[in-house]
């Protein structure tokens, strides 16, 4: 599924869930929900939000894979230093076991001899459960993708939501605390629906910025020398 289409589908799931939570909070016609049950439902919103974050970032990597994998080895010299270095590391498997490194060097040698072969480059956008804005921007910067955002958005992202954690850091914290059993759902459901909605809106704005940067990088061929100021 295309990057934006998948994002919009998952975003809609978050929005629908928040509408459901608001209905529970404000309706007297629904069956009685206990305070603990309400907190459990609220905490589940963070899992939906983290799912949206990680899927979007993963799909950004796939978009780059699909574009740059079609470039031939003959065009390697035209790629930016950041992309060339990533391709060399990926193909040579420099950080793998000795056997895999030897195989990687052989693969690298074969590809350099056959300049008509495709790069078949892969981008590591896997957050393995630890994605927040710092990690996302670190990944993108590694490949030379601009992550400079407006001051307004940066302020929203860094605004403390829980202790000293910003928006995405809070979501990551709750996701990991729930996934590893460090906290119960009731403990992670302290925020009101309005607060969760505010958090979600910031996530939507941030992810749409990230998607836009990836789309610009691909459309304007900023992976080529001379196109990425």
Foldseek 3Di string as FASTA:
>chain_A
DALVVVLVVLLVVLVVLLVVLVCLVPDPPDPDDDLLNSLLSQLVSLVSLVVSVQVNLVNLQVVVLVQQQQAFQLCLVFFDPLVNVQLLCVQCVVVDDPVSNVVSVVSVVVRNVVRRHGSSGGAPSHPVLPDAPVSSVVSCVSLPQDDDDDPVLVCQQQPDDDDRHGLRNLSSVSVVCPVVVVDDSSVSRPDDSVVSVSSSVSSVVSSVSVVVSSVCCSVQVVRGPPSRD
